[in-house]
Amino acid sequence: MPLLVTIVIIGAAAGFLATRFMQVRTDVPTTIAIGIGGALVGWLALRFLAAVSGWAAISIGAILGAMGLIWLWQKYAGRG
């Protein structure tokens, strides 16, 4: 599976989980966008770890990245 498709799939799931963990109510497109953005941020931040430990690290990075974007969004966009 190409990396970009994997990031989109994992990102959508990560966005769903991150919005639930952080108790943020968003619409579906926003949730998916947060997740994909978080997946990209997490993948970039943890790519060395992902190379060492595989897809589990990408999943963790995607969730953490999405949670980080939610935090920034709440702090600077005044949402939530």
PDB file of N, CA and C in Angstrom:
ATOM      1  N   MET A   1       0.860  -1.175   0.000  1.00  0.00           N
ATOM      2  CA  MET A   1       0.000   0.000   0.000  1.00  0.00           C
ATOM      3  C   MET A   1       0.903   1.234   0.000  1.00  0.00           C
ATOM      4  N   PRO A   2       0.652   2.176  -0.904  1.00  0.00           N
ATOM      5  CA  PRO A   2       1.485   3.382  -0.943  1.00  0.00           C
ATOM      6  C   PRO A   2       1.416   4.145   0.382  1.00  0.00           C
ATOM      7  N   LEU A   3       2.506   4.808   0.698  1.00  0.00           N
ATOM      8  CA  LEU A   3       2.620   5.502   1.979  1.00  0.00           C
ATOM      9  C   LEU A   3       1.531   6.565   2.160  1.00  0.00           C
ATOM     10  N   LEU A   4       1.233   7.331   1.119  1.00  0.00           N
ATOM     11  CA  LEU A   4       0.238   8.389   1.240  1.00  0.00           C
ATOM     12  C   LEU A   4      -1.149   7.827   1.557  1.00  0.00           C
ATOM     13  N   VAL A   5      -1.519   6.723   0.925  1.00  0.00           N
ATOM     14  CA  VAL A   5      -2.809   6.087   1.198  1.00  0.00           C
ATOM     15  C   VAL A   5      -2.845   5.597   2.643  1.00  0.00           C
ATOM     16  N   THR A   6      -1.754   5.023   3.092  1.00  0.00           N
ATOM     17  CA  THR A   6      -1.662   4.553   4.475  1.00  0.00           C
ATOM     18  C   THR A   6      -1.809   5.713   5.448  1.00  0.00           C
ATOM     19  N   ILE A   7      -1.155   6.830   5.164  1.00  0.00           N
ATOM     20  CA  ILE A   7      -1.251   7.999   6.043  1.00  0.00           C
ATOM     21  C   ILE A   7      -2.682   8.532   6.078  1.00  0.00           C
ATOM     22  N   VAL A   8      -3.373   8.545   4.947  1.00  0.00           N
ATOM     23  CA  VAL A   8      -4.761   9.021   4.910  1.00  0.00           C
ATOM     24  C   VAL A   8      -5.664   8.108   5.736  1.00  0.00           C
ATOM     25  N   ILE A   9      -5.517   6.802   5.576  1.00  0.00           N
ATOM     26  CA  ILE A   9      -6.357   5.853   6.322  1.00  0.00           C
ATOM     27  C   ILE A   9      -6.072   5.939   7.817  1.00  0.00           C
ATOM     28  N   ILE A  10      -4.813   5.872   8.180  1.00  0.00           N
ATOM     29  CA  ILE A  10      -4.445   5.962   9.596  1.00  0.00           C
ATOM     30  C   ILE A  10      -4.803   7.341  10.139  1.00  0.00           C
ATOM     31  N   GLY A  11      -4.605   8.376   9.339  1.00  0.00           N
ATOM     32  CA  GLY A  11      -4.923   9.738   9.766  1.00  0.00           C
ATOM     33  C   GLY A  11      -6.392   9.941  10.057  1.00  0.00           C
ATOM     34  N   ALA A  12      -7.259   9.386   9.213  1.00  0.00           N
ATOM     35  CA  ALA A  12      -8.698   9.514   9.459  1.00  0.00           C
ATOM     36  C   ALA A  12      -9.082   8.844  10.778  1.00  0.00           C
ATOM     37  N   ALA A  13      -8.549   7.674  11.012  1.00  0.00           N
ATOM     38  CA  ALA A  13      -8.818   6.981  12.281  1.00  0.00           C
ATOM     39  C   ALA A  13      -8.212   7.753  13.451  1.00  0.00           C
ATOM     40  N   ALA A  14      -7.011   8.278  13.265  1.00  0.00           N
ATOM     41  CA  ALA A  14      -6.354   9.039  14.330  1.00  0.00           C
ATOM     42  C   ALA A  14      -7.126  10.311  14.659  1.00  0.00           C
ATOM     43  N   GLY A  15      -7.654  10.972  13.644  1.00  0.00           N
ATOM     44  CA  GLY A  15      -8.461  12.170  13.885  1.00  0.00           C
ATOM     45  C   GLY A  15      -9.692  11.847  14.703  1.00  0.00           C
ATOM     46  N   PHE A  16     -10.354  10.744  14.374  1.00  0.00           N
ATOM     47  CA  PHE A  16     -11.518  10.310  15.139  1.00  0.00           C
ATOM     48  C   PHE A  16     -11.126  10.060  16.599  1.00  0.00           C
ATOM     49  N   LEU A  17     -10.050   9.286  16.803  1.00  0.00           N
ATOM     50  CA  LEU A  17      -9.625   8.970  18.169  1.00  0.00           C
ATOM     51  C   LEU A  17      -9.157  10.223  18.918  1.00  0.00           C
ATOM     52  N   ALA A  18      -8.391  11.074  18.257  1.00  0.00           N
ATOM     53  CA  ALA A  18      -7.875  12.276  18.925  1.00  0.00           C
ATOM     54  C   ALA A  18      -8.997  13.217  19.339  1.00  0.00           C
ATOM     55  N   THR A  19     -10.008  13.391  18.463  1.00  0.00           N
ATOM     56  CA  THR A  19     -11.114  14.268  18.844  1.00  0.00           C
ATOM     57  C   THR A  19     -11.917  13.687  19.996  1.00  0.00           C
ATOM     58  N   ARG A  20     -11.999  12.372  20.076  1.00  0.00           N
ATOM     59  CA  ARG A  20     -12.708  11.741  21.197  1.00  0.00           C
ATOM     60  C   ARG A  20     -11.884  11.843  22.480  1.00  0.00           C
ATOM     61  N   PHE A  21     -10.570  11.585  22.386  1.00  0.00           N
ATOM     62  CA  PHE A  21      -9.706  11.670  23.574  1.00  0.00           C
ATOM     63  C   PHE A  21      -9.708  13.082  24.149  1.00  0.00           C
ATOM     64  N   MET A  22      -9.720  14.078  23.273  1.00  0.00           N
ATOM     65  CA  MET A  22      -9.650  15.467  23.724  1.00  0.00           C
ATOM     66  C   MET A  22     -11.035  16.102  23.850  1.00  0.00           C
ATOM     67  N   GLN A  23     -12.079  15.309  23.668  1.00  0.00           N
ATOM     68  CA  GLN A  23     -13.470  15.737  23.826  1.00  0.00           C
ATOM     69  C   GLN A  23     -13.780  16.999  23.011  1.00  0.00           C
ATOM     70  N   VAL A  24     -13.441  16.932  21.724  1.00  0.00           N
ATOM     71  CA  VAL A  24     -13.701  18.025  20.792  1.00  0.00           C
ATOM     72  C   VAL A  24     -14.770  17.570  19.824  1.00  0.00           C
ATOM     73  N   ARG A  25     -15.779  18.382  19.620  1.00  0.00           N
ATOM     74  CA  ARG A  25     -16.848  18.068  18.675  1.00  0.00           C
ATOM     75  C   ARG A  25     -16.541  18.780  17.361  1.00  0.00           C
ATOM     76  N   THR A  26     -16.313  17.998  16.331  1.00  0.00           N
ATOM     77  CA  THR A  26     -16.084  18.555  15.001  1.00  0.00           C
ATOM     78  C   THR A  26     -16.902  17.773  13.993  1.00  0.00           C
ATOM     79  N   ASP A  27     -17.075  18.368  12.820  1.00  0.00           N
ATOM     80  CA  ASP A  27     -17.764  17.648  11.759  1.00  0.00           C
ATOM     81  C   ASP A  27     -16.802  16.632  11.131  1.00  0.00           C
ATOM     82  N   VAL A  28     -17.324  15.756  10.310  1.00  0.00           N
ATOM     83  CA  VAL A  28     -16.525  14.661   9.742  1.00  0.00           C
ATOM     84  C   VAL A  28     -15.347  15.169   8.905  1.00  0.00           C
ATOM     85  N   PRO A  29     -15.539  16.130   7.981  1.00  0.00           N
ATOM     86  CA  PRO A  29     -14.386  16.584   7.194  1.00  0.00           C
ATOM     87  C   PRO A  29     -13.276  17.194   8.055  1.00  0.00           C
ATOM     88  N   THR A  30     -13.668  17.956   9.082  1.00  0.00           N
ATOM     89  CA  THR A  30     -12.670  18.555   9.972  1.00  0.00           C
ATOM     90  C   THR A  30     -11.933  17.476  10.750  1.00  0.00           C
ATOM     91  N   THR A  31     -12.661  16.472  11.239  1.00  0.00           N
ATOM     92  CA  THR A  31     -12.045  15.364  11.959  1.00  0.00           C
ATOM     93  C   THR A  31     -11.033  14.644  11.080  1.00  0.00           C
ATOM     94  N   ILE A  32     -11.416  14.382   9.829  1.00  0.00           N
ATOM     95  CA  ILE A  32     -10.507  13.702   8.910  1.00  0.00           C
ATOM     96  C   ILE A  32      -9.299  14.580   8.611  1.00  0.00           C
ATOM     97  N   ALA A  33      -9.518  15.883   8.381  1.00  0.00           N
ATOM     98  CA  ALA A  33      -8.408  16.797   8.099  1.00  0.00           C
ATOM     99  C   ALA A  33      -7.447  16.875   9.277  1.00  0.00           C
ATOM    100  N   ILE A  34      -7.980  16.946  10.491  1.00  0.00           N
ATOM    101  CA  ILE A  34      -7.132  16.967  11.687  1.00  0.00           C
ATOM    102  C   ILE A  34      -6.310  15.686  11.759  1.00  0.00           C
ATOM    103  N   GLY A  35      -6.959  14.582  11.500  1.00  0.00           N
ATOM    104  CA  GLY A  35      -6.269  13.296  11.559  1.00  0.00           C
ATOM    105  C   GLY A  35      -5.182  13.160  10.514  1.00  0.00           C
ATOM    106  N   ILE A  36      -5.479  13.570   9.290  1.00  0.00           N
ATOM    107  CA  ILE A  36      -4.480  13.480   8.222  1.00  0.00           C
ATOM    108  C   ILE A  36      -3.327  14.436   8.511  1.00  0.00           C
ATOM    109  N   GLY A  37      -3.642  15.651   8.933  1.00  0.00           N
ATOM    110  CA  GLY A  37      -2.584  16.595   9.316  1.00  0.00           C
ATOM    111  C   GLY A  37      -1.753  16.060  10.464  1.00  0.00           C
ATOM    112  N   GLY A  38      -2.430  15.497  11.449  1.00  0.00           N
ATOM    113  CA  GLY A  38      -1.717  14.904  12.579  1.00  0.00           C
ATOM    114  C   GLY A  38      -0.866  13.721  12.162  1.00  0.00           C
ATOM    115  N   ALA A  39      -1.387  12.938  11.218  1.00  0.00           N
ATOM    116  CA  ALA A  39      -0.611  11.800  10.721  1.00  0.00           C
ATOM    117  C   ALA A  39       0.659  12.274  10.031  1.00  0.00           C
ATOM    118  N   LEU A  40       0.536  13.337   9.241  1.00  0.00           N
ATOM    119  CA  LEU A  40       1.717  13.870   8.567  1.00  0.00           C
ATOM    120  C   LEU A  40       2.724  14.445   9.561  1.00  0.00           C
ATOM    121  N   VAL A  41       2.215  15.219  10.533  1.00  0.00           N
ATOM    122  CA  VAL A  41       3.102  15.779  11.561  1.00  0.00           C
ATOM    123  C   VAL A  41       3.760  14.663  12.370  1.00  0.00           C
ATOM    124  N   GLY A  42       2.941  13.711  12.796  1.00  0.00           N
ATOM    125  CA  GLY A  42       3.484  12.596  13.579  1.00  0.00           C
ATOM    126  C   GLY A  42       4.450  11.748  12.795  1.00  0.00           C
ATOM    127  N   TRP A  43       4.154  11.537  11.504  1.00  0.00           N
ATOM    128  CA  TRP A  43       5.048  10.739  10.669  1.00  0.00           C
ATOM    129  C   TRP A  43       6.383  11.443  10.497  1.00  0.00           C
ATOM    130  N   LEU A  44       6.352  12.738  10.267  1.00  0.00           N
ATOM    131  CA  LEU A  44       7.602  13.477  10.117  1.00  0.00           C
ATOM    132  C   LEU A  44       8.404  13.475  11.419  1.00  0.00           C
ATOM    133  N   ALA A  45       7.715  13.662  12.541  1.00  0.00           N
ATOM    134  CA  ALA A  45       8.401  13.724  13.834  1.00  0.00           C
ATOM    135  C   ALA A  45       8.951  12.368  14.267  1.00  0.00           C
ATOM    136  N   LEU A  46       8.262  11.301  13.879  1.00  0.00           N
ATOM    137  CA  LEU A  46       8.637   9.970  14.378  1.00  0.00           C
ATOM    138  C   LEU A  46       9.109   9.015  13.289  1.00  0.00           C
ATOM    139  N   ARG A  47       9.556   9.531  12.143  1.00  0.00           N
ATOM    140  CA  ARG A  47       9.907   8.624  11.042  1.00  0.00           C
ATOM    141  C   ARG A  47      11.062   7.694  11.376  1.00  0.00           C
ATOM    142  N   PHE A  48      12.007   8.141  12.176  1.00  0.00           N
ATOM    143  CA  PHE A  48      13.088   7.242  12.575  1.00  0.00           C
ATOM    144  C   PHE A  48      12.539   6.105  13.431  1.00  0.00           C
ATOM    145  N   LEU A  49      11.705   6.447  14.379  1.00  0.00           N
ATOM    146  CA  LEU A  49      11.087   5.430  15.224  1.00  0.00           C
ATOM    147  C   LEU A  49      10.232   4.477  14.394  1.00  0.00           C
ATOM    148  N   ALA A  50       9.536   5.012  13.396  1.00  0.00           N
ATOM    149  CA  ALA A  50       8.715   4.171  12.527  1.00  0.00           C
ATOM    150  C   ALA A  50       9.575   3.189  11.752  1.00  0.00           C
ATOM    151  N   ALA A  51      10.734   3.621  11.324  1.00  0.00           N
ATOM    152  CA  ALA A  51      11.627   2.723  10.585  1.00  0.00           C
ATOM    153  C   ALA A  51      12.119   1.599  11.481  1.00  0.00           C
ATOM    154  N   VAL A  52      12.268   1.894  12.754  1.00  0.00           N
ATOM    155  CA  VAL A  52      12.771   0.898  13.696  1.00  0.00           C
ATOM    156  C   VAL A  52      11.665  -0.046  14.151  1.00  0.00           C
ATOM    157  N   SER A  53      10.494   0.502  14.458  1.00  0.00           N
ATOM    158  CA  SER A  53       9.467  -0.335  15.078  1.00  0.00           C
ATOM    159  C   SER A  53       8.222  -0.568  14.230  1.00  0.00           C
ATOM    160  N   GLY A  54       8.159  -0.014  13.030  1.00  0.00           N
ATOM    161  CA  GLY A  54       7.068  -0.335  12.122  1.00  0.00           C
ATOM    162  C   GLY A  54       5.824   0.509  12.267  1.00  0.00           C
ATOM    163  N   TRP A  55       4.700  -0.067  11.820  1.00  0.00           N
ATOM    164  CA  TRP A  55       3.438   0.665  11.713  1.00  0.00           C
ATOM    165  C   TRP A  55       2.858   1.085  13.062  1.00  0.00           C
ATOM    166  N   ALA A  56       3.226   0.406  14.128  1.00  0.00           N
ATOM    167  CA  ALA A  56       2.725   0.808  15.450  1.00  0.00           C
ATOM    168  C   ALA A  56       3.181   2.223  15.777  1.00  0.00           C
ATOM    169  N   ALA A  57       4.418   2.554  15.430  1.00  0.00           N
ATOM    170  CA  ALA A  57       4.936   3.895  15.696  1.00  0.00           C
ATOM    171  C   ALA A  57       4.207   4.942  14.863  1.00  0.00           C
ATOM    172  N   ILE A  58       3.871   4.629  13.614  1.00  0.00           N
ATOM    173  CA  ILE A  58       3.134   5.573  12.776  1.00  0.00           C
ATOM    174  C   ILE A  58       1.753   5.823  13.373  1.00  0.00           C
ATOM    175  N   SER A  59       1.110   4.780  13.865  1.00  0.00           N
ATOM    176  CA  SER A  59      -0.215   4.936  14.471  1.00  0.00           C
ATOM    177  C   SER A  59      -0.144   5.823  15.711  1.00  0.00           C
ATOM    178  N   ILE A  60       0.834   5.584  16.564  1.00  0.00           N
ATOM    179  CA  ILE A  60       1.006   6.406  17.769  1.00  0.00           C
ATOM    180  C   ILE A  60       1.335   7.839  17.381  1.00  0.00           C
ATOM    181  N   GLY A  61       2.233   7.993  16.420  1.00  0.00           N
ATOM    182  CA  GLY A  61       2.591   9.330  15.952  1.00  0.00           C
ATOM    183  C   GLY A  61       1.409  10.069  15.356  1.00  0.00           C
ATOM    184  N   ALA A  62       0.549   9.352  14.621  1.00  0.00           N
ATOM    185  CA  ALA A  62      -0.627   9.972  14.022  1.00  0.00           C
ATOM    186  C   ALA A  62      -1.581  10.485  15.087  1.00  0.00           C
ATOM    187  N   ILE A  63      -1.809   9.690  16.112  1.00  0.00           N
ATOM    188  CA  ILE A  63      -2.704  10.109  17.199  1.00  0.00           C
ATOM    189  C   ILE A  63      -2.114  11.295  17.954  1.00  0.00           C
ATOM    190  N   LEU A  64      -0.826  11.219  18.293  1.00  0.00           N
ATOM    191  CA  LEU A  64      -0.182  12.323  19.009  1.00  0.00           C
ATOM    192  C   LEU A  64      -0.143  13.586  18.159  1.00  0.00           C
ATOM    193  N   GLY A  65       0.137  13.422  16.874  1.00  0.00           N
ATOM    194  CA  GLY A  65       0.150  14.572  15.980  1.00  0.00           C
ATOM    195  C   GLY A  65      -1.218  15.225  15.867  1.00  0.00           C
ATOM    196  N   ALA A  66      -2.262  14.421  15.751  1.00  0.00           N
ATOM    197  CA  ALA A  66      -3.625  14.957  15.680  1.00  0.00           C
ATOM    198  C   ALA A  66      -3.995  15.662  16.981  1.00  0.00           C
ATOM    199  N   MET A  67      -3.602  15.090  18.106  1.00  0.00           N
ATOM    200  CA  MET A  67      -3.886  15.728  19.396  1.00  0.00           C
ATOM    201  C   MET A  67      -3.143  17.058  19.502  1.00  0.00           C
ATOM    202  N   GLY A  68      -1.919  17.106  18.995  1.00  0.00           N
ATOM    203  CA  GLY A  68      -1.156  18.355  18.994  1.00  0.00           C
ATOM    204  C   GLY A  68      -1.815  19.423  18.130  1.00  0.00           C
ATOM    205  N   LEU A  69      -2.314  19.024  16.966  1.00  0.00           N
ATOM    206  CA  LEU A  69      -3.012  19.983  16.112  1.00  0.00           C
ATOM    207  C   LEU A  69      -4.304  20.472  16.744  1.00  0.00           C
ATOM    208  N   ILE A  70      -5.024  19.591  17.423  1.00  0.00           N
ATOM    209  CA  ILE A  70      -6.244  20.015  18.126  1.00  0.00           C
ATOM    210  C   ILE A  70      -5.894  21.036  19.194  1.00  0.00           C
ATOM    211  N   TRP A  71      -4.832  20.784  19.930  1.00  0.00           N
ATOM    212  CA  TRP A  71      -4.412  21.717  20.983  1.00  0.00           C
ATOM    213  C   TRP A  71      -4.087  23.080  20.385  1.00  0.00           C
ATOM    214  N   LEU A  72      -3.304  23.083  19.287  1.00  0.00           N
ATOM    215  CA  LEU A  72      -2.968  24.350  18.636  1.00  0.00           C
ATOM    216  C   LEU A  72      -4.216  25.043  18.107  1.00  0.00           C
ATOM    217  N   TRP A  73      -5.120  24.255  17.528  1.00  0.00           N
ATOM    218  CA  TRP A  73      -6.351  24.810  16.973  1.00  0.00           C
ATOM    219  C   TRP A  73      -7.175  25.468  18.073  1.00  0.00           C
ATOM    220  N   GLN A  74      -7.301  24.788  19.223  1.00  0.00           N
ATOM    221  CA  GLN A  74      -8.067  25.347  20.334  1.00  0.00           C
ATOM    222  C   GLN A  74      -7.398  26.583  20.885  1.00  0.00           C
ATOM    223  N   LYS A  75      -6.089  26.562  20.987  1.00  0.00           N
ATOM    224  CA  LYS A  75      -5.351  27.666  21.598  1.00  0.00           C
ATOM    225  C   LYS A  75      -5.356  28.912  20.716  1.00  0.00           C
ATOM    226  N   TYR A  76      -5.156  28.748  19.411  1.00  0.00           N
ATOM    227  CA  TYR A  76      -4.962  29.898  18.549  1.00  0.00           C
ATOM    228  C   TYR A  76      -6.153  30.237  17.660  1.00  0.00           C
ATOM    229  N   ALA A  77      -7.058  29.315  17.457  1.00  0.00           N
ATOM    230  CA  ALA A  77      -8.237  29.609  16.640  1.00  0.00           C
ATOM    231  C   ALA A  77      -9.453  29.886  17.506  1.00  0.00           C
ATOM    232  N   GLY A  78      -9.324  29.683  18.812  1.00  0.00           N
ATOM    233  CA  GLY A  78     -10.427  29.956  19.718  1.00  0.00           C
ATOM    234  C   GLY A  78     -11.609  29.049  19.527  1.00  0.00           C
ATOM    235  N   ARG A  79     -11.342  27.815  19.132  1.00  0.00           N
ATOM    236  CA  ARG A  79     -12.420  26.847  18.879  1.00  0.00           C
ATOM    237  C   ARG A  79     -12.531  25.901  20.061  1.00  0.00           C
ATOM    238  N   GLY A  80     -13.641  25.173  20.099  1.00  0.00           N
ATOM    239  CA  GLY A  80     -13.830  24.102  21.073  1.00  0.00           C
ATOM    240  C   GLY A  80     -14.428  24.626  22.289  1.00  0.00           C
TER     241      GLY A  80
END
